[in-house]
Amino acid sequence: MTNGADVNHQNKQKNTALMILAEMTKGKNSALKAKLIAAGASLTIKNIWGLTALDIEPGLSNVAVKELS
């Protein structure tokens, strides 16, 4: 992220780093999730199954609110 990486880059399944991290750490506090959101990671990009990061982990909206305040 500090070297200009695209935080919204999507893989073949159209998952972003935030989606993958949300799936791996569902329900757990993760500083990396907060850092991705602060760096501009989208909560609304959809993967090939039509899921967003918020669909994968609804609690991400709380992380986003904390980052924006």
PDB file of N, CA and C in Angstrom:
ATOM      1  N   MET A   1       0.826  -1.189   0.000  1.00  0.00           N
ATOM      2  CA  MET A   1       0.000   0.000   0.000  1.00  0.00           C
ATOM      3  C   MET A   1       0.871   1.253   0.000  1.00  0.00           C
ATOM      4  N   THR A   2       1.980   1.192   0.708  1.00  0.00           N
ATOM      5  CA  THR A   2       2.832   2.378   0.760  1.00  0.00           C
ATOM      6  C   THR A   2       3.570   2.602  -0.547  1.00  0.00           C
ATOM      7  N   ASN A   3       3.651   1.584  -1.381  1.00  0.00           N
ATOM      8  CA  ASN A   3       4.333   1.718  -2.668  1.00  0.00           C
ATOM      9  C   ASN A   3       3.368   1.929  -3.823  1.00  0.00           C
ATOM     10  N   GLY A   4       2.137   2.290  -3.508  1.00  0.00           N
ATOM     11  CA  GLY A   4       1.173   2.597  -4.549  1.00  0.00           C
ATOM     12  C   GLY A   4       0.388   1.419  -5.084  1.00  0.00           C
ATOM     13  N   ALA A   5       0.327   0.334  -4.346  1.00  0.00           N
ATOM     14  CA  ALA A   5      -0.443  -0.836  -4.792  1.00  0.00           C
ATOM     15  C   ALA A   5      -1.931  -0.487  -4.865  1.00  0.00           C
ATOM     16  N   ASP A   6      -2.625  -1.090  -5.808  1.00  0.00           N
ATOM     17  CA  ASP A   6      -4.066  -0.889  -5.962  1.00  0.00           C
ATOM     18  C   ASP A   6      -4.793  -1.759  -4.933  1.00  0.00           C
ATOM     19  N   VAL A   7      -5.369  -1.139  -3.915  1.00  0.00           N
ATOM     20  CA  VAL A   7      -6.043  -1.904  -2.856  1.00  0.00           C
ATOM     21  C   VAL A   7      -7.332  -2.538  -3.350  1.00  0.00           C
ATOM     22  N   ASN A   8      -7.785  -2.158  -4.529  1.00  0.00           N
ATOM     23  CA  ASN A   8      -9.008  -2.734  -5.082  1.00  0.00           C
ATOM     24  C   ASN A   8      -8.736  -3.683  -6.254  1.00  0.00           C
ATOM     25  N   HIS A   9      -7.489  -4.116  -6.405  1.00  0.00           N
ATOM     26  CA  HIS A   9      -7.159  -5.093  -7.444  1.00  0.00           C
ATOM     27  C   HIS A   9      -7.985  -6.355  -7.210  1.00  0.00           C
ATOM     28  N   GLN A  10      -8.458  -6.963  -8.302  1.00  0.00           N
ATOM     29  CA  GLN A  10      -9.273  -8.169  -8.194  1.00  0.00           C
ATOM     30  C   GLN A  10      -8.571  -9.357  -8.853  1.00  0.00           C
ATOM     31  N   ASN A  11      -8.693 -10.539  -8.218  1.00  0.00           N
ATOM     32  CA  ASN A  11      -8.128 -11.763  -8.782  1.00  0.00           C
ATOM     33  C   ASN A  11      -9.091 -12.369  -9.806  1.00  0.00           C
ATOM     34  N   LYS A  12      -8.839 -13.601 -10.242  1.00  0.00           N
ATOM     35  CA  LYS A  12      -9.685 -14.222 -11.268  1.00  0.00           C
ATOM     36  C   LYS A  12     -11.142 -14.355 -10.842  1.00  0.00           C
ATOM     37  N   GLN A  13     -11.365 -14.540  -9.543  1.00  0.00           N
ATOM     38  CA  GLN A  13     -12.737 -14.641  -9.026  1.00  0.00           C
ATOM     39  C   GLN A  13     -13.305 -13.264  -8.685  1.00  0.00           C
ATOM     40  N   LYS A  14     -12.547 -12.231  -9.026  1.00  0.00           N
ATOM     41  CA  LYS A  14     -12.918 -10.829  -8.789  1.00  0.00           C
ATOM     42  C   LYS A  14     -12.943 -10.472  -7.307  1.00  0.00           C
ATOM     43  N   ASN A  15     -12.214 -11.245  -6.472  1.00  0.00           N
ATOM     44  CA  ASN A  15     -12.093 -10.911  -5.054  1.00  0.00           C
ATOM     45  C   ASN A  15     -10.987  -9.889  -4.865  1.00  0.00           C
ATOM     46  N   THR A  16     -11.221  -8.944  -3.958  1.00  0.00           N
ATOM     47  CA  THR A  16     -10.196  -7.978  -3.586  1.00  0.00           C
ATOM     48  C   THR A  16      -9.464  -8.508  -2.351  1.00  0.00           C
ATOM     49  N   ALA A  17      -8.376  -7.849  -1.995  1.00  0.00           N
ATOM     50  CA  ALA A  17      -7.637  -8.243  -0.791  1.00  0.00           C
ATOM     51  C   ALA A  17      -8.539  -8.155   0.441  1.00  0.00           C
ATOM     52  N   LEU A  18      -9.393  -7.141   0.487  1.00  0.00           N
ATOM     53  CA  LEU A  18     -10.296  -6.988   1.633  1.00  0.00           C
ATOM     54  C   LEU A  18     -11.280  -8.150   1.718  1.00  0.00           C
ATOM     55  N   MET A  19     -11.788  -8.597   0.587  1.00  0.00           N
ATOM     56  CA  MET A  19     -12.714  -9.743   0.586  1.00  0.00           C
ATOM     57  C   MET A  19     -12.019 -10.999   1.098  1.00  0.00           C
ATOM     58  N   ILE A  20     -10.815 -11.249   0.628  1.00  0.00           N
ATOM     59  CA  ILE A  20     -10.073 -12.436   1.046  1.00  0.00           C
ATOM     60  C   ILE A  20      -9.757 -12.368   2.532  1.00  0.00           C
ATOM     61  N   LEU A  21      -9.306 -11.213   2.986  1.00  0.00           N
ATOM     62  CA  LEU A  21      -8.995 -11.034   4.405  1.00  0.00           C
ATOM     63  C   LEU A  21     -10.249 -11.175   5.259  1.00  0.00           C
ATOM     64  N   ALA A  22     -11.360 -10.628   4.801  1.00  0.00           N
ATOM     65  CA  ALA A  22     -12.620 -10.739   5.542  1.00  0.00           C
ATOM     66  C   ALA A  22     -13.032 -12.203   5.690  1.00  0.00           C
ATOM     67  N   GLU A  23     -12.864 -12.976   4.636  1.00  0.00           N
ATOM     68  CA  GLU A  23     -13.212 -14.404   4.691  1.00  0.00           C
ATOM     69  C   GLU A  23     -12.294 -15.154   5.656  1.00  0.00           C
ATOM     70  N   MET A  24     -11.020 -14.817   5.646  1.00  0.00           N
ATOM     71  CA  MET A  24     -10.049 -15.523   6.480  1.00  0.00           C
ATOM     72  C   MET A  24     -10.147 -15.157   7.954  1.00  0.00           C
ATOM     73  N   THR A  25     -10.582 -13.947   8.249  1.00  0.00           N
ATOM     74  CA  THR A  25     -10.599 -13.462   9.640  1.00  0.00           C
ATOM     75  C   THR A  25     -12.000 -13.066  10.076  1.00  0.00           C
ATOM     76  N   LYS A  26     -12.999 -13.700   9.515  1.00  0.00           N
ATOM     77  CA  LYS A  26     -14.395 -13.349   9.777  1.00  0.00           C
ATOM     78  C   LYS A  26     -14.677 -13.247  11.279  1.00  0.00           C
ATOM     79  N   GLY A  27     -15.200 -12.098  11.696  1.00  0.00           N
ATOM     80  CA  GLY A  27     -15.576 -11.898  13.086  1.00  0.00           C
ATOM     81  C   GLY A  27     -14.431 -11.535  14.010  1.00  0.00           C
ATOM     82  N   LYS A  28     -13.216 -11.527  13.491  1.00  0.00           N
ATOM     83  CA  LYS A  28     -12.058 -11.185  14.321  1.00  0.00           C
ATOM     84  C   LYS A  28     -11.600  -9.770  14.013  1.00  0.00           C
ATOM     85  N   ASN A  29     -11.064  -9.117  15.011  1.00  0.00           N
ATOM     86  CA  ASN A  29     -10.526  -7.782  14.818  1.00  0.00           C
ATOM     87  C   ASN A  29      -9.220  -7.898  14.038  1.00  0.00           C
ATOM     88  N   SER A  30      -9.073  -7.103  13.028  1.00  0.00           N
ATOM     89  CA  SER A  30      -7.853  -7.137  12.230  1.00  0.00           C
ATOM     90  C   SER A  30      -7.434  -5.724  11.881  1.00  0.00           C
ATOM     91  N   ALA A  31      -6.240  -5.358  12.307  1.00  0.00           N
ATOM     92  CA  ALA A  31      -5.719  -4.030  11.988  1.00  0.00           C
ATOM     93  C   ALA A  31      -5.522  -3.883  10.480  1.00  0.00           C
ATOM     94  N   LEU A  32      -5.223  -4.991   9.802  1.00  0.00           N
ATOM     95  CA  LEU A  32      -5.019  -4.916   8.358  1.00  0.00           C
ATOM     96  C   LEU A  32      -6.313  -4.548   7.632  1.00  0.00           C
ATOM     97  N   LYS A  33      -7.456  -5.054   8.107  1.00  0.00           N
ATOM     98  CA  LYS A  33      -8.738  -4.673   7.496  1.00  0.00           C
ATOM     99  C   LYS A  33      -8.921  -3.166   7.607  1.00  0.00           C
ATOM    100  N   ALA A  34      -8.647  -2.624   8.777  1.00  0.00           N
ATOM    101  CA  ALA A  34      -8.777  -1.177   8.988  1.00  0.00           C
ATOM    102  C   ALA A  34      -7.815  -0.411   8.084  1.00  0.00           C
ATOM    103  N   LYS A  35      -6.592  -0.917   7.927  1.00  0.00           N
ATOM    104  CA  LYS A  35      -5.612  -0.247   7.068  1.00  0.00           C
ATOM    105  C   LYS A  35      -6.048  -0.268   5.606  1.00  0.00           C
ATOM    106  N   LEU A  36      -6.580  -1.400   5.156  1.00  0.00           N
ATOM    107  CA  LEU A  36      -7.060  -1.481   3.776  1.00  0.00           C
ATOM    108  C   LEU A  36      -8.194  -0.497   3.527  1.00  0.00           C
ATOM    109  N   ILE A  37      -9.133  -0.432   4.468  1.00  0.00           N
ATOM    110  CA  ILE A  37     -10.260   0.495   4.326  1.00  0.00           C
ATOM    111  C   ILE A  37      -9.769   1.940   4.353  1.00  0.00           C
ATOM    112  N   ALA A  38      -8.845   2.243   5.252  1.00  0.00           N
ATOM    113  CA  ALA A  38      -8.289   3.594   5.327  1.00  0.00           C
ATOM    114  C   ALA A  38      -7.551   3.965   4.041  1.00  0.00           C
ATOM    115  N   ALA A  39      -6.981   2.957   3.373  1.00  0.00           N
ATOM    116  CA  ALA A  39      -6.242   3.196   2.132  1.00  0.00           C
ATOM    117  C   ALA A  39      -7.173   3.274   0.918  1.00  0.00           C
ATOM    118  N   GLY A  40      -8.479   3.105   1.139  1.00  0.00           N
ATOM    119  CA  GLY A  40      -9.444   3.251   0.055  1.00  0.00           C
ATOM    120  C   GLY A  40     -10.039   1.970  -0.474  1.00  0.00           C
ATOM    121  N   ALA A  41      -9.854   0.860   0.231  1.00  0.00           N
ATOM    122  CA  ALA A  41     -10.452  -0.400  -0.216  1.00  0.00           C
ATOM    123  C   ALA A  41     -11.976  -0.282  -0.250  1.00  0.00           C
ATOM    124  N   SER A  42     -12.553  -0.701  -1.351  1.00  0.00           N
ATOM    125  CA  SER A  42     -14.003  -0.593  -1.530  1.00  0.00           C
ATOM    126  C   SER A  42     -14.749  -1.697  -0.785  1.00  0.00           C
ATOM    127  N   LEU A  43     -15.867  -1.311  -0.208  1.00  0.00           N
ATOM    128  CA  LEU A  43     -16.749  -2.273   0.452  1.00  0.00           C
ATOM    129  C   LEU A  43     -17.848  -2.742  -0.493  1.00  0.00           C
ATOM    130  N   THR A  44     -17.901  -2.158  -1.696  1.00  0.00           N
ATOM    131  CA  THR A  44     -19.035  -2.413  -2.586  1.00  0.00           C
ATOM    132  C   THR A  44     -18.683  -3.114  -3.895  1.00  0.00           C
ATOM    133  N   ILE A  45     -17.407  -3.368  -4.154  1.00  0.00           N
ATOM    134  CA  ILE A  45     -17.039  -4.120  -5.361  1.00  0.00           C
ATOM    135  C   ILE A  45     -17.569  -5.544  -5.213  1.00  0.00           C
ATOM    136  N   LYS A  46     -18.115  -6.082  -6.327  1.00  0.00           N
ATOM    137  CA  LYS A  46     -18.684  -7.437  -6.288  1.00  0.00           C
ATOM    138  C   LYS A  46     -17.737  -8.440  -6.954  1.00  0.00           C
ATOM    139  N   ASN A  47     -17.717  -9.654  -6.397  1.00  0.00           N
ATOM    140  CA  ASN A  47     -16.946 -10.733  -7.011  1.00  0.00           C
ATOM    141  C   ASN A  47     -17.834 -11.473  -8.014  1.00  0.00           C
ATOM    142  N   ILE A  48     -17.340 -12.574  -8.579  1.00  0.00           N
ATOM    143  CA  ILE A  48     -18.118 -13.273  -9.616  1.00  0.00           C
ATOM    144  C   ILE A  48     -19.398 -13.897  -9.075  1.00  0.00           C
ATOM    145  N   TRP A  49     -19.508 -14.048  -7.771  1.00  0.00           N
ATOM    146  CA  TRP A  49     -20.722 -14.585  -7.165  1.00  0.00           C
ATOM    147  C   TRP A  49     -21.667 -13.479  -6.714  1.00  0.00           C
ATOM    148  N   GLY A  50     -21.317 -12.229  -7.005  1.00  0.00           N
ATOM    149  CA  GLY A  50     -22.172 -11.095  -6.657  1.00  0.00           C
ATOM    150  C   GLY A  50     -22.051 -10.651  -5.209  1.00  0.00           C
ATOM    151  N   LEU A  51     -20.997 -11.118  -4.518  1.00  0.00           N
ATOM    152  CA  LEU A  51     -20.815 -10.757  -3.110  1.00  0.00           C
ATOM    153  C   LEU A  51     -19.844  -9.590  -2.969  1.00  0.00           C
ATOM    154  N   THR A  52     -20.133  -8.715  -2.012  1.00  0.00           N
ATOM    155  CA  THR A  52     -19.226  -7.628  -1.672  1.00  0.00           C
ATOM    156  C   THR A  52     -18.500  -7.999  -0.379  1.00  0.00           C
ATOM    157  N   ALA A  53     -17.530  -7.197   0.008  1.00  0.00           N
ATOM    158  CA  ALA A  53     -16.832  -7.425   1.279  1.00  0.00           C
ATOM    159  C   ALA A  53     -17.827  -7.360   2.440  1.00  0.00           C
ATOM    160  N   LEU A  54     -18.830  -6.500   2.325  1.00  0.00           N
ATOM    161  CA  LEU A  54     -19.857  -6.394   3.381  1.00  0.00           C
ATOM    162  C   LEU A  54     -20.739  -7.638   3.441  1.00  0.00           C
ATOM    163  N   ASP A  55     -20.960  -8.281   2.304  1.00  0.00           N
ATOM    164  CA  ASP A  55     -21.724  -9.536   2.304  1.00  0.00           C
ATOM    165  C   ASP A  55     -20.932 -10.632   3.004  1.00  0.00           C
ATOM    166  N   ILE A  56     -19.623 -10.626   2.798  1.00  0.00           N
ATOM    167  CA  ILE A  56     -18.757 -11.643   3.390  1.00  0.00           C
ATOM    168  C   ILE A  56     -18.631 -11.420   4.889  1.00  0.00           C
ATOM    169  N   GLU A  57     -18.462 -10.169   5.286  1.00  0.00           N
ATOM    170  CA  GLU A  57     -18.351  -9.831   6.705  1.00  0.00           C
ATOM    171  C   GLU A  57     -19.089  -8.523   6.983  1.00  0.00           C
ATOM    172  N   PRO A  58     -20.355  -8.610   7.390  1.00  0.00           N
ATOM    173  CA  PRO A  58     -21.154  -7.405   7.622  1.00  0.00           C
ATOM    174  C   PRO A  58     -20.534  -6.448   8.645  1.00  0.00           C
ATOM    175  N   GLY A  59     -19.739  -6.941   9.565  1.00  0.00           N
ATOM    176  CA  GLY A  59     -19.115  -6.093  10.576  1.00  0.00           C
ATOM    177  C   GLY A  59     -18.100  -5.109  10.017  1.00  0.00           C
ATOM    178  N   LEU A  60     -17.732  -5.253   8.754  1.00  0.00           N
ATOM    179  CA  LEU A  60     -16.776  -4.327   8.154  1.00  0.00           C
ATOM    180  C   LEU A  60     -17.307  -2.901   8.128  1.00  0.00           C
ATOM    181  N   SER A  61     -18.618  -2.748   8.104  1.00  0.00           N
ATOM    182  CA  SER A  61     -19.167  -1.385   8.104  1.00  0.00           C
ATOM    183  C   SER A  61     -18.786  -0.664   9.388  1.00  0.00           C
ATOM    184  N   ASN A  62     -18.671  -1.377  10.492  1.00  0.00           N
ATOM    185  CA  ASN A  62     -18.234  -0.757  11.749  1.00  0.00           C
ATOM    186  C   ASN A  62     -16.775  -0.328  11.674  1.00  0.00           C
ATOM    187  N   VAL A  63     -15.953  -1.142  11.031  1.00  0.00           N
ATOM    188  CA  VAL A  63     -14.543  -0.789  10.855  1.00  0.00           C
ATOM    189  C   VAL A  63     -14.431   0.455   9.989  1.00  0.00           C
ATOM    190  N   ALA A  64     -15.231   0.517   8.929  1.00  0.00           N
ATOM    191  CA  ALA A  64     -15.198   1.672   8.036  1.00  0.00           C
ATOM    192  C   ALA A  64     -15.624   2.947   8.751  1.00  0.00           C
ATOM    193  N   VAL A  65     -16.653   2.862   9.579  1.00  0.00           N
ATOM    194  CA  VAL A  65     -17.129   4.032  10.320  1.00  0.00           C
ATOM    195  C   VAL A  65     -16.044   4.538  11.258  1.00  0.00           C
ATOM    196  N   LYS A  66     -15.360   3.630  11.929  1.00  0.00           N
ATOM    197  CA  LYS A  66     -14.275   4.029  12.839  1.00  0.00           C
ATOM    198  C   LYS A  66     -13.153   4.705  12.091  1.00  0.00           C
ATOM    199  N   GLU A  67     -12.838   4.215  10.889  1.00  0.00           N
ATOM    200  CA  GLU A  67     -11.772   4.795  10.088  1.00  0.00           C
ATOM    201  C   GLU A  67     -12.131   6.183   9.596  1.00  0.00           C
ATOM    202  N   LEU A  68     -13.407   6.407   9.324  1.00  0.00           N
ATOM    203  CA  LEU A  68     -13.843   7.694   8.793  1.00  0.00           C
ATOM    204  C   LEU A  68     -14.033   8.749   9.877  1.00  0.00           C
ATOM    205  N   SER A  69     -14.111   8.325  11.126  1.00  0.00           N
ATOM    206  CA  SER A  69     -14.337   9.317  12.199  1.00  0.00           C
ATOM    207  C   SER A  69     -13.058   9.769  12.834  1.00  0.00           C
TER     208      SER A  69
END
